[in-house]
Each structure stands twice: as C-alpha cells, then as structure tokens.
Protein backbone atom coordinates (compact mmCIF):
# COMPACT_ATOMS: atom_id res chain seq x y z
CA UNK A 1 -11.05 -6.68 -16.63
CA UNK A 2 -14.58 -7.72 -15.74
CA UNK A 3 -17.38 -6.15 -13.74
CA UNK A 4 -19.40 -7.33 -10.77
CA UNK A 5 -22.14 -5.99 -8.53
CA UNK A 6 -20.79 -6.21 -4.99
CA UNK A 7 -23.02 -6.76 -1.98
CA UNK A 8 -20.89 -4.57 0.27
CA UNK A 9 -17.76 -2.43 0.10
CA UNK A 10 -16.60 -1.75 3.67
CA UNK A 11 -14.93 -4.37 5.84
CA UNK A 12 -14.03 -4.04 9.51
CA UNK A 13 -15.71 -2.74 12.62
CA UNK A 14 -15.21 -0.54 15.66
CA UNK A 15 -14.33 2.53 13.66
CA UNK A 16 -11.68 0.77 11.55
CA UNK A 17 -12.87 0.22 8.01
CA UNK A 18 -11.24 -0.75 4.73
CA UNK A 19 -12.41 -1.09 1.16
CA UNK A 20 -11.10 -2.67 -2.02
CA UNK A 21 -12.75 -1.31 -5.16
CA UNK A 22 -10.81 -3.69 -7.39
CA UNK A 23 -9.81 -7.34 -6.96
CA UNK A 24 -6.67 -8.48 -8.72
CA UNK A 25 -3.87 -6.30 -10.09
CA UNK A 26 -1.97 -5.44 -13.26
CA UNK A 27 1.25 -4.12 -11.68
CA UNK A 28 2.94 -7.51 -12.11
CA UNK A 29 5.05 -7.38 -8.92
CA UNK A 30 6.84 -10.71 -8.72
CA UNK A 31 6.38 -11.09 -4.95
CA UNK A 32 2.69 -10.16 -4.57
CA UNK A 33 1.08 -11.96 -1.61
CA UNK A 34 -2.39 -11.17 -2.94
CA UNK A 35 -1.85 -13.95 -5.50
CA UNK A 36 -1.89 -16.53 -2.70
CA UNK A 37 -4.53 -19.24 -3.02
CA UNK A 38 -5.86 -18.50 0.45
CA UNK A 39 -7.63 -15.45 -1.03
CA UNK A 40 -9.68 -17.79 -3.24
CA UNK A 41 -9.52 -15.99 -6.55
CA UNK A 42 -11.89 -17.58 -9.06
CA UNK A 43 -10.47 -15.59 -11.99
CA UNK A 44 -6.96 -14.89 -13.32
CA UNK A 45 -5.20 -12.37 -11.09
CA UNK A 46 -4.58 -9.92 -13.95
CA UNK A 47 -8.23 -10.10 -15.03
CA UNK A 48 -9.16 -7.40 -12.55
CA UNK A 49 -12.59 -7.66 -10.97
CA UNK A 50 -14.24 -4.24 -10.83
CA UNK A 51 -16.87 -3.54 -8.20
CA UNK A 52 -18.72 -1.06 -10.35
CA UNK A 53 -21.30 -0.22 -7.67
CA UNK A 54 -18.59 0.60 -5.11
CA UNK A 55 -19.41 4.36 -4.93
CA UNK A 56 -23.10 3.69 -4.35
CA UNK A 57 -22.35 1.10 -1.67
CA UNK A 58 -19.88 3.43 0.01
CA UNK A 59 -22.36 6.29 0.11
CA UNK A 60 -25.02 4.05 1.62
CA UNK A 61 -22.56 2.91 4.30
CA UNK A 62 -21.14 6.31 5.22
CA UNK A 63 -24.37 8.27 5.38
CA UNK A 64 -25.68 5.82 7.98
CA UNK A 65 -22.67 6.13 10.33
CA UNK A 66 -23.03 8.54 13.22
CA UNK A 67 -19.31 8.78 13.90
CA UNK A 68 -16.65 9.68 11.38
CA UNK A 69 -13.48 7.62 11.10
CA UNK A 70 -10.66 6.75 8.73
CA UNK A 71 -11.35 4.62 5.65
CA UNK A 72 -8.42 2.59 4.34
CA UNK A 73 -7.97 1.38 0.78
CA UNK A 74 -5.28 -0.42 -1.19
CA UNK A 75 -4.34 -3.24 1.17
CA UNK A 76 -5.21 -6.03 -1.30
CA UNK A 77 -5.43 -4.31 -4.70
CA UNK A 78 -3.92 -1.01 -5.74
CA UNK A 79 -6.68 1.63 -6.14
CA UNK A 80 -4.64 3.35 -8.88
CA UNK A 81 -4.14 0.57 -11.40
CA UNK A 82 -4.31 1.23 -15.14
CA UNK A 83 -8.09 0.75 -15.27
CA UNK A 84 -8.64 3.59 -12.78
CA UNK A 85 -7.64 6.10 -15.48
CA UNK A 86 -10.84 5.29 -17.37
CA UNK A 87 -13.19 4.10 -14.62
CA UNK A 88 -12.37 6.70 -11.93
CA UNK A 89 -14.07 4.62 -9.23
CA UNK A 90 -11.39 5.49 -6.69
CA UNK A 91 -11.93 9.18 -7.35
CA UNK A 92 -15.70 8.84 -6.98
CA UNK A 93 -15.22 7.06 -3.66
CA UNK A 94 -12.86 9.79 -2.47
CA UNK A 95 -15.48 12.38 -3.36
CA UNK A 96 -17.99 10.53 -1.18
CA UNK A 97 -15.50 10.32 1.67
CA UNK A 98 -15.00 14.08 1.41
CA UNK A 99 -18.77 14.69 1.21
CA UNK A 100 -19.44 12.90 4.50
CA UNK A 101 -16.40 14.23 6.33
CA UNK A 102 -14.50 10.98 6.77
CA UNK A 103 -10.73 10.54 6.61
CA UNK A 104 -8.84 8.27 4.23
CA UNK A 105 -5.60 6.27 4.16
CA UNK A 106 -4.62 5.29 0.62
CA UNK A 107 -1.95 2.68 -0.17
CA UNK A 108 -0.48 2.61 -3.68
CA UNK A 109 2.63 2.21 -5.82
CA UNK A 110 1.30 4.42 -8.60
CA UNK A 111 1.86 8.06 -9.51
CA UNK A 112 -1.72 8.12 -10.80
CA UNK A 113 -2.64 9.23 -7.30
CA UNK A 114 -1.39 12.70 -8.26
CA UNK A 115 -4.50 13.10 -10.42
CA UNK A 116 -6.47 13.31 -7.17
CA UNK A 117 -4.05 15.38 -5.09
CA UNK A 118 -6.44 18.35 -4.87
CA UNK A 119 -9.18 16.06 -3.58
CA UNK A 120 -6.82 14.38 -1.11
CA UNK A 121 -5.76 17.83 0.07
CA UNK A 122 -9.38 18.80 0.70
CA UNK A 123 -9.97 15.62 2.70
CA UNK A 124 -6.85 16.30 4.73
CA UNK A 125 -8.01 19.84 5.46
CA UNK A 126 -11.49 18.79 6.60
CA UNK A 127 -10.61 15.46 8.26
CA UNK A 128 -7.36 13.57 7.59
CA UNK A 129 -5.60 11.95 4.65
CA UNK A 130 -2.57 9.67 4.76
CA UNK A 131 -0.86 8.52 1.57
CA UNK A 132 1.08 5.27 1.80
CA UNK A 133 3.68 4.38 -0.81
CA UNK A 134 5.59 1.11 -1.20
CA UNK A 135 9.34 1.47 -1.75
CA UNK A 136 11.46 -1.66 -2.02
CA UNK A 137 14.26 -1.05 -4.48
CA UNK A 138 16.46 1.98 -5.08
CA UNK A 139 17.96 0.59 -8.29
CA UNK A 140 15.59 1.56 -11.11
CA UNK A 141 16.66 -1.29 -13.39
CA UNK A 142 15.97 -3.82 -10.65
CA UNK A 143 12.70 -2.08 -9.88
CA UNK A 144 11.56 -2.63 -13.46
CA UNK A 145 12.19 -6.36 -13.01
CA UNK A 146 10.44 -6.93 -9.69
CA UNK A 147 7.67 -4.31 -10.10
CA UNK A 148 7.43 -4.14 -13.90
CA UNK A 149 4.11 -2.43 -14.71
CA UNK A 150 4.15 0.53 -12.35
CA UNK A 151 6.23 3.68 -12.00
CA UNK A 152 9.74 3.37 -10.57
CA UNK A 153 11.05 4.28 -7.15
CA UNK A 154 12.27 7.73 -8.16
CA UNK A 155 8.82 8.71 -9.39
CA UNK A 156 7.19 7.37 -6.24
CA UNK A 157 9.51 9.53 -4.17
CA UNK A 158 8.44 12.52 -6.27
CA UNK A 159 4.85 11.67 -5.32
CA UNK A 160 5.79 11.65 -1.64
CA UNK A 161 7.48 15.01 -2.04
CA UNK A 162 4.42 16.53 -3.71
CA UNK A 163 2.28 15.26 -0.84
CA UNK A 164 4.70 16.88 1.60
CA UNK A 165 4.30 20.20 -0.23
CA UNK A 166 0.54 19.95 0.35
CA UNK A 167 0.94 19.03 4.00
CA UNK A 168 -0.49 15.54 3.41
CA UNK A 169 1.23 13.05 5.74
CA UNK A 170 2.86 9.99 4.19
CA UNK A 171 3.88 6.52 5.32
CA UNK A 172 6.26 4.23 3.41
CA UNK A 173 6.01 0.44 3.26
CA UNK A 174 9.62 -0.82 3.17
CA UNK A 175 8.49 -4.32 2.33
CA UNK A 176 9.13 -6.85 1.04
CA UNK A 177 12.90 -6.91 0.97
CA UNK A 178 13.88 -9.92 -1.13
CA UNK A 179 16.71 -12.13 0.20
CA UNK A 180 19.79 -12.15 -2.05
CA UNK A 181 18.23 -9.52 -4.36
CA UNK A 182 17.68 -6.14 -2.68
CA UNK A 183 18.65 -6.91 0.93
CA UNK A 184 21.74 -4.69 0.92
CA UNK A 185 22.82 -1.84 3.15
CA UNK A 186 23.20 0.37 0.07
CA UNK A 187 19.60 -0.23 -1.00
CA UNK A 188 18.07 0.27 2.45
CA UNK A 189 20.18 3.35 3.23
CA UNK A 190 19.36 5.05 -0.08
CA UNK A 191 15.61 4.58 0.42
CA UNK A 192 15.76 5.72 4.04
CA UNK A 193 17.66 8.90 3.16
CA UNK A 194 15.00 9.83 0.61
CA UNK A 195 12.24 9.09 3.11
CA UNK A 196 13.81 11.55 5.52
CA UNK A 197 14.30 14.15 2.78
CA UNK A 198 10.63 14.10 1.79
CA UNK A 199 9.47 14.12 5.40
CA UNK A 200 7.59 10.83 5.72
CA UNK A 201 5.75 10.35 9.00
CA UNK A 202 6.44 6.65 9.34
CA UNK A 203 8.03 3.62 7.69
CA UNK A 204 6.50 0.15 8.01
CA UNK A 205 8.80 -2.86 8.07
CA UNK A 206 7.77 -6.34 9.21
CA UNK A 207 11.30 -7.69 9.32
CA UNK A 208 13.74 -7.65 6.43
CA UNK A 209 12.51 -10.43 4.16
CA UNK A 210 9.35 -11.63 2.45
CA UNK A 211 6.56 -14.15 2.91
CA UNK A 212 5.68 -16.93 0.50
CA UNK A 213 2.66 -19.20 0.43
CA UNK A 214 0.86 -21.39 -2.07
CA UNK A 215 0.10 -19.51 -5.26
CA UNK A 216 2.43 -16.63 -4.47
CA UNK A 217 5.46 -18.93 -4.13
CA UNK A 218 5.01 -20.56 -7.54
CA UNK A 219 4.68 -17.20 -9.29
CA UNK A 220 7.72 -15.81 -7.47
CA UNK A 221 9.87 -18.84 -8.25
CA UNK A 222 8.94 -18.67 -11.93
CA UNK A 223 10.07 -15.03 -11.94
CA UNK A 224 13.35 -16.01 -10.26
CA UNK A 225 13.97 -18.56 -13.00
CA UNK A 226 13.40 -15.89 -15.66
CA UNK A 227 15.43 -13.09 -14.14
CA UNK A 228 17.81 -14.65 -11.57
CA UNK A 229 18.83 -18.13 -12.80
CA UNK A 230 19.81 -20.48 -9.99
CA UNK A 231 18.32 -18.36 -7.22
CA UNK A 232 15.16 -20.45 -6.85
CA UNK A 233 17.30 -23.39 -5.79
CA UNK A 234 19.05 -21.15 -3.27
CA UNK A 235 15.65 -20.24 -1.78
CA UNK A 236 14.54 -23.86 -1.66
CA UNK A 237 17.73 -24.93 0.13
CA UNK A 238 17.46 -22.16 2.70
CA UNK A 239 13.71 -21.83 3.27
CA UNK A 240 12.01 -24.98 2.00
CA UNK A 241 8.26 -24.35 2.15
CA UNK A 242 8.48 -21.81 5.00
CA UNK A 243 6.00 -18.94 5.05
CA UNK A 244 8.51 -16.46 6.45
CA UNK A 245 11.72 -15.98 4.48
CA UNK A 246 13.92 -13.55 6.43
CA UNK A 247 17.03 -12.13 4.84
CA UNK A 248 20.31 -13.57 6.12
CA UNK A 249 21.17 -9.92 6.81
CA UNK A 250 17.90 -9.18 8.64
CA UNK A 251 19.49 -8.47 12.03
CA UNK A 252 21.96 -5.84 10.85
CA UNK A 253 19.60 -4.26 8.33
CA UNK A 254 16.82 -4.03 10.92
CA UNK A 255 19.25 -2.34 13.31
CA UNK A 256 20.20 0.12 10.55
CA UNK A 257 16.53 0.83 9.84
CA UNK A 258 15.55 1.36 13.46
CA UNK A 259 18.57 3.54 14.21
CA UNK A 260 17.90 5.75 11.19
CA UNK A 261 14.24 6.21 12.07
CA UNK A 262 15.06 7.01 15.69
CA UNK A 263 17.65 9.60 14.69
CA UNK A 264 15.29 11.24 12.20
CA UNK A 265 12.10 11.19 14.26
CA UNK A 266 10.29 8.76 11.94
CA UNK A 267 7.75 6.26 13.29
CA UNK A 268 9.18 2.76 12.77
CA UNK A 269 7.04 0.32 14.74
CA UNK A 270 4.13 -1.08 12.71
CA UNK A 271 1.63 -0.57 15.54
CA UNK A 272 2.66 3.10 15.82
CA UNK A 273 2.24 3.61 12.07
CA UNK A 274 -1.14 1.87 12.00
CA UNK A 275 -2.32 3.85 15.01
CA UNK A 276 -1.41 7.08 13.25
CA UNK A 277 -3.21 6.00 10.06
CA UNK A 278 -6.32 4.83 11.89
CA UNK A 279 -6.81 7.77 14.22
CA UNK A 280 -8.99 10.65 13.11
CA UNK A 281 -8.44 13.81 15.18
CA UNK A 282 -11.17 14.08 17.80
CA UNK A 283 -12.16 17.58 16.76
CA UNK A 284 -13.14 16.14 13.37
CA UNK A 285 -14.34 12.73 14.47
CA UNK A 286 -17.72 13.51 16.03
CA UNK A 287 -20.60 14.59 13.83
CA UNK A 288 -22.77 17.42 15.03
CA UNK A 289 -26.55 17.12 15.14
CA UNK A 290 -26.66 19.13 11.90
CA UNK A 291 -24.65 16.43 10.08
CA UNK A 292 -27.10 13.62 10.78
C-alpha cells in the first residue's frame, strides 16, 4: 500500500459520475480485468495506491454542483478492500455524499460493506443507494480458488439479504463465468435462485464467458496452471488471443438466465440495470435554493 495526492476524484459528465478511491486490489481474483496493461499501472497491482485526499476532493466537487445525481464507486477497485478497515476513506466519502444529498451506487465483493449499512440506509432514505455484489461461483471451494482473498458467495448473499431487510436495492454482477470451470447449469441456477430469494432488483450479465487481454491473460493462465492443469492449453486452442472468450454453453445458459429473470421480475438487460443505478428520483434530484 502506498499513498498519493490525487488531482481529482470524480470522472464522468452529464450527471453520471464515478470515483475510485483506491487503485489496485488485494482480493486476488484470478480473472481480474483491472490487471490489464491498458490501464497503465506503474506499480504492482497488489501494492494498492491510496488517494488519501479523496474525501477532500469529493467534498470540493459535490458542494459546487447545483444538481444532485448518483455517484458510482467500485468499477475498477473494490472500495472495501482490507485497507479500508483502517483507512475508512470509503466511509468518509459516503458521509460526504450523505451530507450533500447525493445518491450512491457501490460495487463490491466484500462483506465489509456491512460496517456502513446504517450510513447506506440513510443515503437511501434521503436520496438513493444501490449495492452491487459480484456473484460468480456457487461452490465455496471453487470460490476460494478463483476469488481467494475475499468472503465467499454464501456470505455475499447474506449481505444482499441484509440490504433487502433495510430496503436498500441490490444488483448482482453475474460475471465473469469462466469457460470449462463454472459455466454449468447447476452453478447458474443456484445463484439465480438465491438472487430471487433475497429480492435483487437486477442481474448484470454480458454474455456467459470472460474477457482476456494483455496483462490479465498472463495472470489468468498462470492461475490455470496452478489450479487446473492442462486447461490453459484448452483455452489457447479454443480462443487463441481473442479478447472475448464465450462459454461453449453460452447460448443455453443465457436462455436460462433470461427466462429466470423474466419469470421472477428481475431486470436482466445491462442497459436497464445501469439506467436504474444511474437515475436519482426527480423529487430528490433538484436542489432547492436553500441548498446552494
């Protein structure tokens, strides 16, 4: 872990903003796209870069905006990594979001988010909060292999259920699904049934498979050699250097996914899920003259 003074914290425009308080990750997920060289990391991925002035930058940005909107976080680096326990930068940023009446959409794999559930509840009451959780693998033993340094699927589902009890809407990222590893009907069906049980609003799937590019591919293949001997060669034969690596079962598993979501009233198209996460209810979106 190392610290830096960032020049800015919000990215985006037109009422759609995101922030990444940390850069890098310690979860150790074998498939992580954020490792890709296109993101131009100048430090080891596990040596997390901490933007220690993130709360101050966020406050400067939000107090100058005349219209409230949703703020997303977690798209590149999980805001609830191990270092957040000590640093609490994510919590401080959430407190600022609450202070200025903005909404938030948080993406994580970690149960550390439960530390801030009261704060998330307050944001949801005054504006809007959406908690996004990645679920890829029902089998807990397999989960420990492909996502080794973060809580397992069962615990993440408990988090979703606790959010439901608070009335905080949730969205699940059912991605990536790894060809020849967790691309089974049993795996997908088990996750979907739990999503329905805990009342998720939407499930995001970009096609049953994963993406690989320079930097990410090498790390993933090394993990395959450690945990699934011979499978790297199977990937190379089937996909070569392709960016998109769809499961051979993508068609039938996608049909299963879409049918389940339709029957259970769950949003399943990515644009529908993103629209829900990006929209702040109009009654909360416009500041009054007393807020300026």
